[in-house]
N, C-alpha and C. Protein backbone atom coordinates (compact mmCIF):
# COMPACT_ATOMS: atom_id res chain seq x y z
N MET A 1 21.26 30.15 -19.88
CA MET A 1 20.73 29.08 -20.42
C MET A 1 20.17 28.72 -21.94
N ARG A 2 20.01 29.60 -22.48
CA ARG A 2 20.00 29.46 -24.26
C ARG A 2 21.55 29.30 -24.73
N LYS A 3 22.34 30.13 -24.09
CA LYS A 3 23.66 29.78 -24.55
C LYS A 3 23.86 28.31 -24.73
N TRP A 4 23.83 27.30 -23.35
CA TRP A 4 23.94 26.50 -23.24
C TRP A 4 23.36 25.27 -24.22
N VAL A 5 22.75 25.80 -24.48
CA VAL A 5 21.58 24.82 -24.78
C VAL A 5 22.01 24.68 -26.78
N MET A 6 22.42 25.89 -26.98
CA MET A 6 22.91 26.32 -28.33
C MET A 6 23.99 25.43 -28.57
N VAL A 7 24.79 25.59 -27.95
CA VAL A 7 26.33 24.90 -27.65
C VAL A 7 26.27 23.48 -27.69
N ALA A 8 25.06 22.71 -26.81
CA ALA A 8 24.74 20.91 -26.77
C ALA A 8 24.35 20.72 -28.00
N GLY A 9 23.51 21.51 -28.31
CA GLY A 9 23.12 21.11 -29.67
C GLY A 9 24.08 21.14 -30.97
N ILE A 10 24.75 22.21 -31.04
CA ILE A 10 26.25 22.22 -32.02
C ILE A 10 27.14 20.85 -31.61
N PHE A 11 27.09 20.71 -30.77
CA PHE A 11 28.13 19.50 -30.15
C PHE A 11 27.51 18.66 -30.61
N ALA A 12 26.47 18.39 -30.08
CA ALA A 12 25.58 16.70 -30.81
C ALA A 12 25.03 16.89 -32.10
N VAL A 13 25.03 18.08 -33.16
CA VAL A 13 25.18 17.49 -34.32
C VAL A 13 26.73 17.30 -34.89
N MET A 14 27.66 17.86 -34.35
CA MET A 14 29.03 17.90 -34.50
C MET A 14 29.02 15.98 -34.25
N SER A 15 29.34 15.52 -32.73
CA SER A 15 29.41 14.38 -32.45
C SER A 15 28.85 13.26 -33.58
N ALA A 16 27.53 13.49 -33.71
CA ALA A 16 26.84 12.59 -34.90
C ALA A 16 26.89 12.78 -36.38
N SER A 17 27.82 13.84 -36.09
CA SER A 17 28.04 13.32 -38.46
C SER A 17 29.23 12.73 -38.09
N PRO A 18 29.52 12.02 -39.45
CA PRO A 18 30.90 11.31 -39.76
C PRO A 18 31.62 12.12 -39.74
N VAL A 19 32.85 11.75 -39.22
CA VAL A 19 34.52 12.64 -39.62
C VAL A 19 34.92 12.74 -40.60
N PHE A 20 34.22 13.62 -41.53
CA PHE A 20 34.46 13.83 -42.85
C PHE A 20 36.26 14.71 -42.95
N ALA A 21 36.06 15.37 -41.84
CA ALA A 21 37.41 16.42 -41.78
C ALA A 21 38.02 15.33 -41.07
N GLY A 22 38.02 14.15 -40.49
CA GLY A 22 39.02 13.47 -40.58
C GLY A 22 40.11 12.55 -41.69
N ILE A 23 39.61 12.86 -42.74
CA ILE A 23 40.20 12.05 -43.84
C ILE A 23 40.78 13.12 -45.16
N ASP A 24 42.01 12.93 -45.19
CA ASP A 24 42.65 13.66 -46.35
C ASP A 24 41.79 13.72 -47.59
N LEU A 25 41.12 14.28 -48.15
CA LEU A 25 40.63 14.09 -49.60
C LEU A 25 41.57 14.89 -50.72
N SER A 26 42.42 15.35 -50.26
CA SER A 26 43.31 16.10 -51.36
C SER A 26 44.28 15.50 -52.17
N ASP A 27 44.15 14.08 -51.99
CA ASP A 27 44.85 12.95 -53.66
C ASP A 27 43.37 12.54 -54.01
N PHE A 28 42.45 12.91 -54.17
CA PHE A 28 41.26 12.17 -54.85
C PHE A 28 41.41 13.47 -56.57
N ASP A 29 41.40 12.81 -57.09
CA ASP A 29 41.58 13.11 -58.51
C ASP A 29 40.39 14.22 -58.95
N ASP A 30 40.46 15.82 -58.52
CA ASP A 30 39.45 16.58 -58.94
C ASP A 30 38.80 16.41 -60.51
N ASP A 31 39.62 16.26 -61.44
CA ASP A 31 39.46 15.96 -62.90
C ASP A 31 38.05 15.02 -62.63
N THR A 32 38.32 13.72 -62.17
CA THR A 32 37.35 12.75 -62.28
C THR A 32 35.68 13.38 -61.87
N MET A 33 36.10 14.21 -60.35
CA MET A 33 34.84 14.51 -59.81
C MET A 33 33.90 15.61 -60.45
N ARG A 34 35.07 16.62 -61.09
CA ARG A 34 34.18 17.56 -62.02
C ARG A 34 33.69 17.08 -63.66
N GLY A 35 33.99 15.75 -63.76
CA GLY A 35 33.71 15.46 -64.91
C GLY A 35 32.23 14.65 -64.19
N MET A 36 32.25 14.01 -63.17
CA MET A 36 31.24 13.37 -62.77
C MET A 36 29.95 14.49 -62.34
N ASP A 37 30.24 15.39 -61.88
CA ASP A 37 29.73 16.82 -61.96
C ASP A 37 29.00 17.03 -63.17
N ASP A 38 29.55 17.69 -63.85
CA ASP A 38 29.28 18.21 -65.29
C ASP A 38 28.15 16.68 -66.13
N ALA A 39 28.33 15.87 -66.04
CA ALA A 39 27.76 14.81 -66.29
C ALA A 39 26.38 14.92 -65.74
N ASN A 40 26.70 14.34 -64.67
CA ASN A 40 25.21 14.75 -63.43
C ASN A 40 24.57 15.92 -63.93
N LYS A 41 24.97 17.08 -63.59
CA LYS A 41 24.39 18.08 -64.37
C LYS A 41 23.60 18.27 -66.00
N ASP A 42 24.20 17.19 -66.90
CA ASP A 42 24.09 17.10 -68.21
C ASP A 42 22.89 16.40 -67.99
N LEU A 43 22.71 15.21 -67.55
CA LEU A 43 22.33 13.86 -67.79
C LEU A 43 20.67 14.29 -67.62
N GLY A 44 20.17 15.01 -66.56
CA GLY A 44 18.54 15.21 -66.55
C GLY A 44 17.94 15.99 -68.12
N PRO A 45 18.79 16.90 -68.09
CA PRO A 45 18.10 17.72 -69.62
C PRO A 45 18.35 16.55 -70.40
N ALA A 46 19.15 15.65 -70.81
CA ALA A 46 19.58 14.92 -71.83
C ALA A 46 18.48 14.37 -71.77
N LEU A 47 17.98 13.81 -70.82
CA LEU A 47 17.04 12.69 -70.65
C LEU A 47 15.38 13.38 -71.25
N GLY A 48 15.43 14.78 -70.57
CA GLY A 48 14.09 15.50 -70.97
C GLY A 48 14.11 15.55 -72.61
N ALA A 49 15.43 15.71 -73.37
CA ALA A 49 15.35 16.08 -74.68
C ALA A 49 15.09 14.80 -75.17
N GLY A 50 14.99 13.97 -74.75
CA GLY A 50 15.53 12.78 -75.36
C GLY A 50 16.18 11.83 -75.87
N ASN A 51 17.22 12.59 -75.70
CA ASN A 51 18.80 12.39 -76.23
C ASN A 51 19.50 11.19 -75.66
N ALA A 52 19.09 10.34 -76.02
CA ALA A 52 19.81 8.92 -75.55
C ALA A 52 21.24 9.05 -75.90
N GLU A 53 22.21 9.37 -76.73
CA GLU A 53 23.10 9.54 -77.10
C GLU A 53 23.96 10.28 -76.27
N ALA A 54 23.27 11.54 -75.68
CA ALA A 54 23.79 12.19 -74.84
C ALA A 54 23.85 11.89 -73.27
N ALA A 55 22.80 11.24 -73.20
CA ALA A 55 22.83 10.70 -72.00
C ALA A 55 23.29 9.42 -71.52
N LEU A 56 23.57 8.57 -72.41
CA LEU A 56 24.43 7.62 -72.44
C LEU A 56 25.92 7.94 -72.39
N ALA A 57 26.23 9.10 -72.95
CA ALA A 57 27.85 9.29 -72.69
C ALA A 57 27.85 9.96 -71.31
N ASP A 58 27.04 10.72 -70.57
CA ASP A 58 27.08 11.35 -69.62
C ASP A 58 26.75 9.80 -68.12
N ALA A 59 25.86 9.44 -68.89
CA ALA A 59 25.70 7.97 -67.90
C ALA A 59 27.08 6.97 -67.82
N GLN A 60 28.25 7.09 -68.92
CA GLN A 60 29.04 6.37 -68.81
C GLN A 60 30.52 6.78 -67.94
N VAL A 61 30.11 8.50 -67.89
CA VAL A 61 31.18 9.16 -67.13
C VAL A 61 31.00 9.15 -65.76
N MET A 62 29.35 9.29 -65.28
CA MET A 62 29.01 8.90 -64.09
C MET A 62 30.00 7.57 -63.58
N GLN A 63 29.68 6.66 -64.58
CA GLN A 63 29.81 4.98 -63.95
C GLN A 63 31.26 5.05 -63.70
N ASP A 64 31.98 5.46 -64.75
CA ASP A 64 33.76 5.28 -65.02
C ASP A 64 34.20 6.11 -63.23
N GLY A 65 33.66 7.43 -62.94
CA GLY A 65 33.67 8.18 -61.82
C GLY A 65 33.25 7.64 -60.53
N LEU A 66 32.21 7.08 -60.73
CA LEU A 66 32.07 6.15 -59.08
C LEU A 66 32.27 4.86 -59.13
N LYS A 67 33.30 4.37 -60.09
CA LYS A 67 34.20 3.28 -59.59
C LYS A 67 35.40 3.60 -59.16
N VAL A 68 35.72 4.47 -59.64
CA VAL A 68 37.07 5.56 -59.13
C VAL A 68 37.05 6.17 -57.77
N ALA A 69 35.52 6.30 -57.74
CA ALA A 69 35.80 6.77 -56.19
C ALA A 69 35.63 5.61 -54.92
N GLU A 70 34.95 4.70 -55.86
CA GLU A 70 34.49 3.63 -54.81
C GLU A 70 36.26 2.74 -54.60
N GLU A 71 37.05 2.70 -55.37
CA GLU A 71 38.24 1.85 -55.29
C GLU A 71 38.99 2.81 -54.52
N TYR A 72 38.76 4.49 -55.02
CA TYR A 72 39.44 5.42 -53.59
C TYR A 72 39.41 4.82 -52.38
N PHE A 73 38.43 4.55 -52.10
CA PHE A 73 37.92 4.85 -50.50
C PHE A 73 38.15 3.45 -50.37
N VAL A 74 38.21 2.35 -51.04
CA VAL A 74 38.58 1.70 -50.28
C VAL A 74 39.73 1.62 -50.03
N LYS A 75 40.88 1.94 -50.93
CA LYS A 75 42.35 2.18 -50.49
C LYS A 75 42.36 2.76 -49.63
N LYS A 76 41.85 3.91 -49.40
CA LYS A 76 42.36 4.88 -48.63
C LYS A 76 41.90 4.26 -47.39
N GLY A 77 40.97 3.47 -47.26
CA GLY A 77 40.37 2.95 -45.66
C GLY A 77 39.25 4.05 -44.59
N GLY A 78 39.20 3.44 -43.93
CA GLY A 78 38.13 4.39 -42.96
C GLY A 78 36.82 4.83 -43.61
N ALA A 79 36.39 4.54 -44.49
CA ALA A 79 35.57 5.37 -44.78
C ALA A 79 34.31 4.07 -45.40
N ASP A 80 34.00 3.27 -45.22
CA ASP A 80 33.07 2.55 -45.38
C ASP A 80 31.73 2.87 -46.15
N ASP A 81 31.29 4.01 -45.58
CA ASP A 81 29.90 4.31 -45.82
C ASP A 81 30.03 4.83 -47.20
N ALA A 82 31.51 5.47 -47.43
CA ALA A 82 31.30 6.12 -48.67
C ALA A 82 31.72 4.99 -49.87
N VAL A 83 32.43 3.93 -49.45
CA VAL A 83 32.17 2.85 -50.25
C VAL A 83 31.02 2.63 -50.65
N LYS A 84 29.93 2.48 -49.68
CA LYS A 84 28.65 1.78 -49.89
C LYS A 84 28.00 2.63 -50.85
N ILE A 85 27.97 4.24 -50.65
CA ILE A 85 27.31 4.91 -51.80
C ILE A 85 27.38 4.84 -52.77
N ALA A 86 29.24 5.02 -53.45
CA ALA A 86 29.75 4.86 -54.49
C ALA A 86 28.58 3.77 -55.09
N GLN A 87 28.72 2.47 -54.40
CA GLN A 87 28.57 1.10 -54.72
C GLN A 87 27.04 1.44 -55.46
N GLN A 88 26.43 1.76 -54.37
CA GLN A 88 24.53 2.63 -54.47
C GLN A 88 24.53 3.12 -55.76
N GLY A 89 25.26 4.21 -56.30
CA GLY A 89 25.78 5.45 -57.27
C GLY A 89 25.82 4.30 -58.27
N GLU A 90 26.90 3.25 -58.64
CA GLU A 90 26.99 2.48 -59.87
C GLU A 90 25.45 1.68 -59.86
N GLU A 91 24.83 1.00 -58.88
CA GLU A 91 23.96 0.65 -59.14
C GLU A 91 22.87 1.78 -59.90
N TRP A 92 23.01 2.69 -59.58
CA TRP A 92 21.50 3.46 -59.54
C TRP A 92 22.46 3.77 -61.58
N VAL A 93 23.13 4.11 -61.77
CA VAL A 93 23.58 4.51 -63.11
C VAL A 93 23.63 3.57 -63.87
N ALA A 94 23.95 2.25 -63.28
CA ALA A 94 23.17 0.72 -63.97
C ALA A 94 21.78 1.08 -64.45
N ALA A 95 20.65 1.20 -63.30
CA ALA A 95 19.42 1.31 -63.73
C ALA A 95 19.39 2.76 -65.15
N VAL A 96 19.91 3.11 -64.99
CA VAL A 96 20.04 4.91 -66.20
C VAL A 96 20.34 3.95 -67.38
N LEU A 97 21.14 3.26 -67.09
CA LEU A 97 21.53 2.62 -68.97
C LEU A 97 21.01 1.66 -69.33
N ALA A 98 20.54 0.90 -68.13
CA ALA A 98 19.30 -0.35 -68.61
C ALA A 98 18.41 0.31 -69.51
N ALA A 99 17.80 1.29 -68.70
CA ALA A 99 16.46 2.21 -69.08
C ALA A 99 17.00 2.66 -70.55
N LEU A 100 17.79 2.98 -70.54
CA LEU A 100 18.01 3.62 -71.85
C LEU A 100 17.97 2.70 -72.74
N GLY A 101 18.42 1.87 -72.64
CA GLY A 101 18.76 0.09 -73.36
C GLY A 101 17.51 0.07 -74.28
N LYS A 102 16.64 0.44 -73.04
CA LYS A 102 14.84 -0.09 -73.60
C LYS A 102 14.32 1.41 -73.98
N LYS A 103 15.12 2.45 -74.35
CA LYS A 103 14.40 3.62 -74.78
C LYS A 103 13.36 4.15 -73.62
N ASP A 104 13.14 3.79 -72.48
CA ASP A 104 12.62 4.24 -71.35
C ASP A 104 12.98 5.52 -70.51
N PHE A 105 12.72 6.44 -70.74
CA PHE A 105 13.42 7.66 -70.90
C PHE A 105 12.83 8.11 -69.00
N ASP A 106 11.30 7.34 -69.14
CA ASP A 106 11.03 7.86 -67.62
C ASP A 106 11.74 7.18 -66.82
N ALA A 107 11.70 5.72 -66.79
CA ALA A 107 12.50 5.18 -66.20
C ALA A 107 14.18 5.57 -65.79
N ALA A 108 14.62 6.03 -66.94
CA ALA A 108 16.34 6.67 -66.83
C ALA A 108 16.01 7.63 -65.92
N THR A 109 14.90 8.93 -66.14
CA THR A 109 15.02 10.06 -65.49
C THR A 109 15.30 9.80 -63.75
N THR A 110 13.93 8.71 -63.71
CA THR A 110 13.65 8.40 -62.32
C THR A 110 15.05 8.02 -61.49
N ALA A 111 15.79 6.93 -62.27
CA ALA A 111 17.46 6.31 -62.10
C ALA A 111 18.05 7.82 -61.52
N ALA A 112 18.44 8.85 -62.65
CA ALA A 112 19.41 9.60 -62.71
C ALA A 112 18.93 10.38 -61.67
N ARG A 113 17.70 10.41 -61.04
CA ARG A 113 17.41 11.90 -59.85
C ARG A 113 18.04 10.91 -58.75
N GLU A 114 17.68 9.33 -58.24
CA GLU A 114 18.44 8.60 -57.65
C GLU A 114 19.77 8.85 -57.47
N THR A 115 20.13 8.85 -58.76
CA THR A 115 21.90 9.00 -58.96
C THR A 115 22.52 10.10 -58.48
N ALA A 116 21.64 11.11 -58.55
CA ALA A 116 21.94 12.58 -57.93
C ALA A 116 21.67 12.66 -56.71
N LYS A 117 20.75 12.65 -56.18
CA LYS A 117 20.64 12.26 -54.58
C LYS A 117 21.71 11.32 -53.83
N ASN A 118 21.92 10.64 -54.71
CA ASN A 118 23.35 9.35 -53.87
C ASN A 118 24.37 9.98 -53.85
N CYS A 119 25.00 11.37 -54.84
CA CYS A 119 26.12 11.77 -55.25
C CYS A 119 26.32 12.89 -54.03
N ARG A 120 24.45 13.80 -53.83
CA ARG A 120 24.88 14.42 -52.78
C ARG A 120 24.68 13.97 -51.00
N SER A 121 24.60 12.82 -51.21
CA SER A 121 24.54 12.27 -49.81
C SER A 121 26.10 11.82 -49.40
N CYS A 122 27.04 11.61 -50.55
CA CYS A 122 28.59 11.31 -50.09
C CYS A 122 28.99 13.01 -50.58
N HIS A 123 28.23 14.09 -50.91
CA HIS A 123 28.90 15.15 -50.58
C HIS A 123 28.83 15.83 -49.37
N ASP A 124 27.74 15.35 -48.91
CA ASP A 124 27.08 15.74 -47.53
C ASP A 124 27.79 15.11 -46.33
N LEU A 125 28.40 14.05 -46.65
CA LEU A 125 29.62 13.73 -45.46
C LEU A 125 30.91 13.78 -45.91
N TYR A 126 31.74 13.49 -47.02
CA TYR A 126 33.04 14.34 -47.66
C TYR A 126 33.27 15.60 -48.39
N LYS A 127 33.11 15.91 -47.58
CA LYS A 127 33.94 17.42 -48.42
C LYS A 127 35.30 17.99 -47.86
N PRO A 128 35.81 18.01 -49.37
CA PRO A 128 37.37 18.36 -49.21
C PRO A 128 37.27 19.61 -48.46
N LEU A 129 38.59 19.22 -47.55
CA LEU A 129 38.88 20.47 -47.06
C LEU A 129 40.16 21.51 -47.58
N LYS A 130 39.76 22.76 -47.53
CA LYS A 130 40.25 23.63 -48.62
C LYS A 130 40.90 24.24 -47.98
């Protein structure tokens, strides 16, 4: 009986999950994604150090990368949730940039955290198949 409960649970999780395995992501520009990942990792420490110049550069890399991701998923089709996530990410990065323009590092840090959560939400749904 336990075995069937476990199998049913696995099936429920798999059937409730988006079909990330059904979308071939091999043609996505890995350099863009790596650049965004590096910028995302650097953004928090740059903001914490009050380094507006470095934070601005990181945010711009993320902004550009999210635009590439949005355009990619629009063109790819069948990934409306990924398009929406990219657009939400662009909004969070815009909030980082706006806060940096006001030298409000607290607001920029908050927006950067939301940006990172946004990135993770897409990666939870869309993982390249290796």
